[in-house]
Amino acid sequence: YRETAVRVDMDTMDRLCKLFKCGVG
């Protein structure tokens, strides 16, 4: 949210995409 993450796990991206019903892009 604060754009301070240094890396993002694939599982995290998967969960966010499912929650917001969107793509990684």
PDB file of all heavy atoms in Angstrom:
ATOM      1  N   TYR A   1       0.831  -1.208   0.000  1.00  0.00           N
ATOM      2  CA  TYR A   1       0.000   0.000   0.000  1.00  0.00           C
ATOM      3  C   TYR A   1       0.867   1.260   0.000  1.00  0.00           C
ATOM      4  O   TYR A   1       0.607   2.211  -0.723  1.00  0.00           O
ATOM      5  CB  TYR A   1      -0.920  -0.013   1.229  1.00  0.00           C
ATOM      6  CG  TYR A   1      -1.783   1.207   1.363  1.00  0.00           C
ATOM      7  CD1 TYR A   1      -3.006   1.283   0.702  1.00  0.00           C
ATOM      8  CD2 TYR A   1      -1.394   2.282   2.158  1.00  0.00           C
ATOM      9  CE1 TYR A   1      -3.811   2.407   0.824  1.00  0.00           C
ATOM     10  CE2 TYR A   1      -2.192   3.406   2.278  1.00  0.00           C
ATOM     11  CZ  TYR A   1      -3.398   3.462   1.612  1.00  0.00           C
ATOM     12  OH  TYR A   1      -4.193   4.579   1.734  1.00  0.00           O
ATOM     13  N   ARG A   2       1.920   1.239   0.810  1.00  0.00           N
ATOM     14  CA  ARG A   2       2.820   2.402   0.930  1.00  0.00           C
ATOM     15  C   ARG A   2       3.921   2.395  -0.128  1.00  0.00           C
ATOM     16  O   ARG A   2       4.755   3.290  -0.163  1.00  0.00           O
ATOM     17  CB  ARG A   2       3.426   2.425   2.330  1.00  0.00           C
ATOM     18  CG  ARG A   2       2.403   2.747   3.390  1.00  0.00           C
ATOM     19  CD  ARG A   2       3.045   2.850   4.777  1.00  0.00           C
ATOM     20  NE  ARG A   2       2.076   3.285   5.755  1.00  0.00           N
ATOM     21  CZ  ARG A   2       1.205   2.493   6.369  1.00  0.00           C
ATOM     22  NH1 ARG A   2       1.186   1.193   6.081  1.00  0.00           N
ATOM     23  NH2 ARG A   2       0.354   2.971   7.249  1.00  0.00           N
ATOM     24  N   GLU A   3       3.935   1.360  -0.962  1.00  0.00           N
ATOM     25  CA  GLU A   3       4.943   1.195  -2.014  1.00  0.00           C
ATOM     26  C   GLU A   3       6.366   1.196  -1.472  1.00  0.00           C
ATOM     27  O   GLU A   3       7.272   1.797  -2.041  1.00  0.00           O
ATOM     28  CB  GLU A   3       4.772   2.260  -3.101  1.00  0.00           C
ATOM     29  CG  GLU A   3       3.450   2.157  -3.822  1.00  0.00           C
ATOM     30  CD  GLU A   3       3.357   3.079  -4.997  1.00  0.00           C
ATOM     31  OE1 GLU A   3       4.081   2.837  -5.976  1.00  0.00           O
ATOM     32  OE2 GLU A   3       2.567   4.040  -4.935  1.00  0.00           O
ATOM     33  N   THR A   4       6.552   0.489  -0.373  1.00  0.00           N
ATOM     34  CA  THR A   4       7.879   0.365   0.222  1.00  0.00           C
ATOM     35  C   THR A   4       8.370  -1.086   0.210  1.00  0.00           C
ATOM     36  O   THR A   4       9.459  -1.366   0.714  1.00  0.00           O
ATOM     37  CB  THR A   4       7.894   0.902   1.674  1.00  0.00           C
ATOM     38  OG1 THR A   4       6.902   0.223   2.433  1.00  0.00           O
ATOM     39  CG2 THR A   4       7.638   2.402   1.697  1.00  0.00           C
ATOM     40  N   ALA A   5       7.581  -1.994  -0.381  1.00  0.00           N
ATOM     41  CA  ALA A   5       7.982  -3.401  -0.458  1.00  0.00           C
ATOM     42  C   ALA A   5       9.203  -3.533  -1.365  1.00  0.00           C
ATOM     43  O   ALA A   5       9.335  -2.828  -2.360  1.00  0.00           O
ATOM     44  CB  ALA A   5       6.833  -4.250  -0.990  1.00  0.00           C
ATOM     45  N   VAL A   6      10.090  -4.433  -1.016  1.00  0.00           N
ATOM     46  CA  VAL A   6      11.295  -4.675  -1.797  1.00  0.00           C
ATOM     47  C   VAL A   6      11.101  -5.870  -2.727  1.00  0.00           C
ATOM     48  O   VAL A   6      11.696  -5.946  -3.788  1.00  0.00           O
ATOM     49  CB  VAL A   6      12.498  -4.906  -0.859  1.00  0.00           C
ATOM     50  CG1 VAL A   6      13.753  -5.223  -1.647  1.00  0.00           C
ATOM     51  CG2 VAL A   6      12.722  -3.684   0.012  1.00  0.00           C
ATOM     52  N   ARG A   7      10.237  -6.807  -2.345  1.00  0.00           N
ATOM     53  CA  ARG A   7       9.933  -7.963  -3.191  1.00  0.00           C
ATOM     54  C   ARG A   7       8.497  -8.395  -2.914  1.00  0.00           C
ATOM     55  O   ARG A   7       7.937  -8.105  -1.865  1.00  0.00           O
ATOM     56  CB  ARG A   7      10.906  -9.109  -2.940  1.00  0.00           C
ATOM     57  CG  ARG A   7      10.843  -9.710  -1.577  1.00  0.00           C
ATOM     58  CD  ARG A   7      11.945 -10.736  -1.315  1.00  0.00           C
ATOM     59  NE  ARG A   7      13.283 -10.274  -1.584  1.00  0.00           N
ATOM     60  CZ  ARG A   7      14.019  -9.563  -0.740  1.00  0.00           C
ATOM     61  NH1 ARG A   7      13.528  -9.214   0.424  1.00  0.00           N
ATOM     62  NH2 ARG A   7      15.221  -9.193  -1.056  1.00  0.00           N
ATOM     63  N   VAL A   8       7.947  -9.120  -3.886  1.00  0.00           N
ATOM     64  CA  VAL A   8       6.571  -9.598  -3.767  1.00  0.00           C
ATOM     65  C   VAL A   8       6.534 -11.065  -4.163  1.00  0.00           C
ATOM     66  O   VAL A   8       7.017 -11.431  -5.237  1.00  0.00           O
ATOM     67  CB  VAL A   8       5.612  -8.789  -4.678  1.00  0.00           C
ATOM     68  CG1 VAL A   8       4.188  -9.268  -4.508  1.00  0.00           C
ATOM     69  CG2 VAL A   8       5.721  -7.305  -4.400  1.00  0.00           C
ATOM     70  N   ASP A   9       5.973 -11.901  -3.312  1.00  0.00           N
ATOM     71  CA  ASP A   9       5.844 -13.334  -3.606  1.00  0.00           C
ATOM     72  C   ASP A   9       4.745 -13.567  -4.625  1.00  0.00           C
ATOM     73  O   ASP A   9       3.767 -12.808  -4.699  1.00  0.00           O
ATOM     74  CB  ASP A   9       5.486 -14.116  -2.332  1.00  0.00           C
ATOM     75  CG  ASP A   9       6.607 -14.145  -1.315  1.00  0.00           C
ATOM     76  OD1 ASP A   9       7.780 -14.035  -1.730  1.00  0.00           O
ATOM     77  OD2 ASP A   9       6.305 -14.278  -0.112  1.00  0.00           O
ATOM     78  N   MET A  10       4.898 -14.638  -5.389  1.00  0.00           N
ATOM     79  CA  MET A  10       3.875 -15.014  -6.368  1.00  0.00           C
ATOM     80  C   MET A  10       2.539 -15.276  -5.675  1.00  0.00           C
ATOM     81  O   MET A  10       1.486 -14.912  -6.193  1.00  0.00           O
ATOM     82  CB  MET A  10       4.320 -16.261  -7.142  1.00  0.00           C
ATOM     83  CG  MET A  10       5.575 -16.042  -7.966  1.00  0.00           C
ATOM     84  SD  MET A  10       5.290 -14.976  -9.371  1.00  0.00           S
ATOM     85  CE  MET A  10       4.595 -16.153 -10.493  1.00  0.00           C
ATOM     86  N   ASP A  11       2.580 -15.897  -4.503  1.00  0.00           N
ATOM     87  CA  ASP A  11       1.359 -16.178  -3.753  1.00  0.00           C
ATOM     88  C   ASP A  11       0.640 -14.881  -3.383  1.00  0.00           C
ATOM     89  O   ASP A  11      -0.592 -14.804  -3.434  1.00  0.00           O
ATOM     90  CB  ASP A  11       1.681 -16.989  -2.489  1.00  0.00           C
ATOM     91  CG  ASP A  11       0.440 -17.319  -1.696  1.00  0.00           C
ATOM     92  OD1 ASP A  11      -0.453 -18.005  -2.240  1.00  0.00           O
ATOM     93  OD2 ASP A  11       0.348 -16.870  -0.528  1.00  0.00           O
ATOM     94  N   THR A  12       1.402 -13.855  -3.030  1.00  0.00           N
ATOM     95  CA  THR A  12       0.814 -12.553  -2.681  1.00  0.00           C
ATOM     96  C   THR A  12       0.110 -11.962  -3.894  1.00  0.00           C
ATOM     97  O   THR A  12      -1.037 -11.496  -3.793  1.00  0.00           O
ATOM     98  CB  THR A  12       1.909 -11.590  -2.181  1.00  0.00           C
ATOM     99  OG1 THR A  12       2.506 -12.129  -0.999  1.00  0.00           O
ATOM    100  CG2 THR A  12       1.341 -10.214  -1.889  1.00  0.00           C
ATOM    101  N   MET A  13       0.768 -11.991  -5.047  1.00  0.00           N
ATOM    102  CA  MET A  13       0.147 -11.463  -6.266  1.00  0.00           C
ATOM    103  C   MET A  13      -1.113 -12.256  -6.606  1.00  0.00           C
ATOM    104  O   MET A  13      -2.137 -11.669  -6.983  1.00  0.00           O
ATOM    105  CB  MET A  13       1.135 -11.502  -7.428  1.00  0.00           C
ATOM    106  CG  MET A  13       2.255 -10.497  -7.291  1.00  0.00           C
ATOM    107  SD  MET A  13       3.288 -10.377  -8.752  1.00  0.00           S
ATOM    108  CE  MET A  13       4.248 -11.863  -8.609  1.00  0.00           C
ATOM    109  N   ASP A  14      -1.049 -13.577  -6.471  1.00  0.00           N
ATOM    110  CA  ASP A  14      -2.197 -14.431  -6.754  1.00  0.00           C
ATOM    111  C   ASP A  14      -3.383 -14.065  -5.864  1.00  0.00           C
ATOM    112  O   ASP A  14      -4.512 -13.910  -6.344  1.00  0.00           O
ATOM    113  CB  ASP A  14      -1.809 -15.897  -6.558  1.00  0.00           C
ATOM    114  CG  ASP A  14      -2.937 -16.846  -6.883  1.00  0.00           C
ATOM    115  OD1 ASP A  14      -3.410 -16.820  -8.037  1.00  0.00           O
ATOM    116  OD2 ASP A  14      -3.338 -17.616  -5.989  1.00  0.00           O
ATOM    117  N   ARG A  15      -3.134 -13.908  -4.588  1.00  0.00           N
ATOM    118  CA  ARG A  15      -4.214 -13.582  -3.641  1.00  0.00           C
ATOM    119  C   ARG A  15      -4.821 -12.208  -3.933  1.00  0.00           C
ATOM    120  O   ARG A  15      -6.040 -12.046  -3.849  1.00  0.00           O
ATOM    121  CB  ARG A  15      -3.697 -13.626  -2.213  1.00  0.00           C
ATOM    122  CG  ARG A  15      -3.392 -15.028  -1.734  1.00  0.00           C
ATOM    123  CD  ARG A  15      -2.758 -14.992  -0.363  1.00  0.00           C
ATOM    124  NE  ARG A  15      -2.326 -16.304   0.057  1.00  0.00           N
ATOM    125  CZ  ARG A  15      -2.653 -16.850   1.222  1.00  0.00           C
ATOM    126  NH1 ARG A  15      -3.421 -16.188   2.067  1.00  0.00           N
ATOM    127  NH2 ARG A  15      -2.215 -18.041   1.531  1.00  0.00           N
ATOM    128  N   LEU A  16      -3.981 -11.232  -4.271  1.00  0.00           N
ATOM    129  CA  LEU A  16      -4.493  -9.895  -4.577  1.00  0.00           C
ATOM    130  C   LEU A  16      -5.301  -9.902  -5.876  1.00  0.00           C
ATOM    131  O   LEU A  16      -6.354  -9.256  -5.964  1.00  0.00           O
ATOM    132  CB  LEU A  16      -3.348  -8.887  -4.658  1.00  0.00           C
ATOM    133  CG  LEU A  16      -2.658  -8.567  -3.337  1.00  0.00           C
ATOM    134  CD1 LEU A  16      -1.438  -7.679  -3.567  1.00  0.00           C
ATOM    135  CD2 LEU A  16      -3.632  -7.892  -2.365  1.00  0.00           C
ATOM    136  N   CYS A  17      -4.825 -10.625  -6.874  1.00  0.00           N
ATOM    137  CA  CYS A  17      -5.562 -10.719  -8.143  1.00  0.00           C
ATOM    138  C   CYS A  17      -6.921 -11.379  -7.935  1.00  0.00           C
ATOM    139  O   CYS A  17      -7.925 -10.942  -8.507  1.00  0.00           O
ATOM    140  CB  CYS A  17      -4.752 -11.489  -9.180  1.00  0.00           C
ATOM    141  SG  CYS A  17      -3.330 -10.572  -9.810  1.00  0.00           S
ATOM    142  N   LYS A  18      -6.970 -12.413  -7.118  1.00  0.00           N
ATOM    143  CA  LYS A  18      -8.243 -13.075  -6.828  1.00  0.00           C
ATOM    144  C   LYS A  18      -9.180 -12.150  -6.070  1.00  0.00           C
ATOM    145  O   LYS A  18     -10.372 -12.071  -6.376  1.00  0.00           O
ATOM    146  CB  LYS A  18      -8.005 -14.355  -6.026  1.00  0.00           C
ATOM    147  CG  LYS A  18      -7.457 -15.490  -6.859  1.00  0.00           C
ATOM    148  CD  LYS A  18      -7.220 -16.725  -6.021  1.00  0.00           C
ATOM    149  CE  LYS A  18      -6.621 -17.824  -6.885  1.00  0.00           C
ATOM    150  NZ  LYS A  18      -6.228 -18.985  -6.097  1.00  0.00           N
ATOM    151  N   LEU A  19      -8.648 -11.439  -5.083  1.00  0.00           N
ATOM    152  CA  LEU A  19      -9.475 -10.546  -4.267  1.00  0.00           C
ATOM    153  C   LEU A  19     -10.082  -9.426  -5.108  1.00  0.00           C
ATOM    154  O   LEU A  19     -11.275  -9.136  -5.001  1.00  0.00           O
ATOM    155  CB  LEU A  19      -8.642  -9.949  -3.122  1.00  0.00           C
ATOM    156  CG  LEU A  19      -9.361  -8.938  -2.234  1.00  0.00           C
ATOM    157  CD1 LEU A  19     -10.525  -9.597  -1.484  1.00  0.00           C
ATOM    158  CD2 LEU A  19      -8.381  -8.308  -1.255  1.00  0.00           C
ATOM    159  N   PHE A  20      -9.272  -8.804  -5.945  1.00  0.00           N
ATOM    160  CA  PHE A  20      -9.741  -7.665  -6.738  1.00  0.00           C
ATOM    161  C   PHE A  20     -10.264  -8.083  -8.119  1.00  0.00           C
ATOM    162  O   PHE A  20     -10.665  -7.225  -8.905  1.00  0.00           O
ATOM    163  CB  PHE A  20      -8.625  -6.624  -6.874  1.00  0.00           C
ATOM    164  CG  PHE A  20      -8.314  -5.936  -5.581  1.00  0.00           C
ATOM    165  CD1 PHE A  20      -7.143  -6.220  -4.895  1.00  0.00           C
ATOM    166  CD2 PHE A  20      -9.193  -5.016  -5.038  1.00  0.00           C
ATOM    167  CE1 PHE A  20      -6.854  -5.587  -3.694  1.00  0.00           C
ATOM    168  CE2 PHE A  20      -8.927  -4.378  -3.839  1.00  0.00           C
ATOM    169  CZ  PHE A  20      -7.751  -4.670  -3.163  1.00  0.00           C
ATOM    170  N   LYS A  21     -10.228  -9.404  -8.401  1.00  0.00           N
ATOM    171  CA  LYS A  21     -10.693  -9.926  -9.699  1.00  0.00           C
ATOM    172  C   LYS A  21     -10.050  -9.156 -10.852  1.00  0.00           C
ATOM    173  O   LYS A  21     -10.724  -8.570 -11.701  1.00  0.00           O
ATOM    174  CB  LYS A  21     -12.215  -9.869  -9.786  1.00  0.00           C
ATOM    175  CG  LYS A  21     -12.918 -10.746  -8.765  1.00  0.00           C
ATOM    176  CD  LYS A  21     -14.417 -10.600  -8.847  1.00  0.00           C
ATOM    177  CE  LYS A  21     -15.129 -11.511  -7.881  1.00  0.00           C
ATOM    178  NZ  LYS A  21     -14.954 -11.207  -6.496  1.00  0.00           N
ATOM    179  N   CYS A  22      -8.714  -9.145 -10.822  1.00  0.00           N
ATOM    180  CA  CYS A  22      -7.955  -8.399 -11.823  1.00  0.00           C
ATOM    181  C   CYS A  22      -6.688  -9.161 -12.186  1.00  0.00           C
ATOM    182  O   CYS A  22      -6.427 -10.223 -11.628  1.00  0.00           O
ATOM    183  CB  CYS A  22      -7.603  -7.010 -11.283  1.00  0.00           C
ATOM    184  SG  CYS A  22      -6.437  -7.040  -9.903  1.00  0.00           S
ATOM    185  N   GLY A  23      -5.920  -8.616 -13.106  1.00  0.00           N
ATOM    186  CA  GLY A  23      -4.657  -9.206 -13.501  1.00  0.00           C
ATOM    187  C   GLY A  23      -3.489  -8.535 -12.799  1.00  0.00           C
ATOM    188  O   GLY A  23      -3.645  -7.465 -12.197  1.00  0.00           O
ATOM    189  N   VAL A  24      -2.336  -9.150 -12.908  1.00  0.00           N
ATOM    190  CA  VAL A  24      -1.127  -8.599 -12.284  1.00  0.00           C
ATOM    191  C   VAL A  24      -0.854  -7.182 -12.802  1.00  0.00           C
ATOM    192  O   VAL A  24      -0.466  -6.293 -12.047  1.00  0.00           O
ATOM    193  CB  VAL A  24       0.090  -9.519 -12.542  1.00  0.00           C
ATOM    194  CG1 VAL A  24       1.371  -8.891 -12.026  1.00  0.00           C
ATOM    195  CG2 VAL A  24      -0.124 -10.877 -11.897  1.00  0.00           C
ATOM    196  N   GLY A  25      -1.103  -6.961 -14.096  1.00  0.00           N
ATOM    197  CA  GLY A  25      -0.874  -5.652 -14.700  1.00  0.00           C
ATOM    198  C   GLY A  25      -1.776  -4.552 -14.170  1.00  0.00           C
ATOM    199  O   GLY A  25      -1.490  -3.371 -14.342  1.00  0.00           O
TER     200      GLY A  25
END
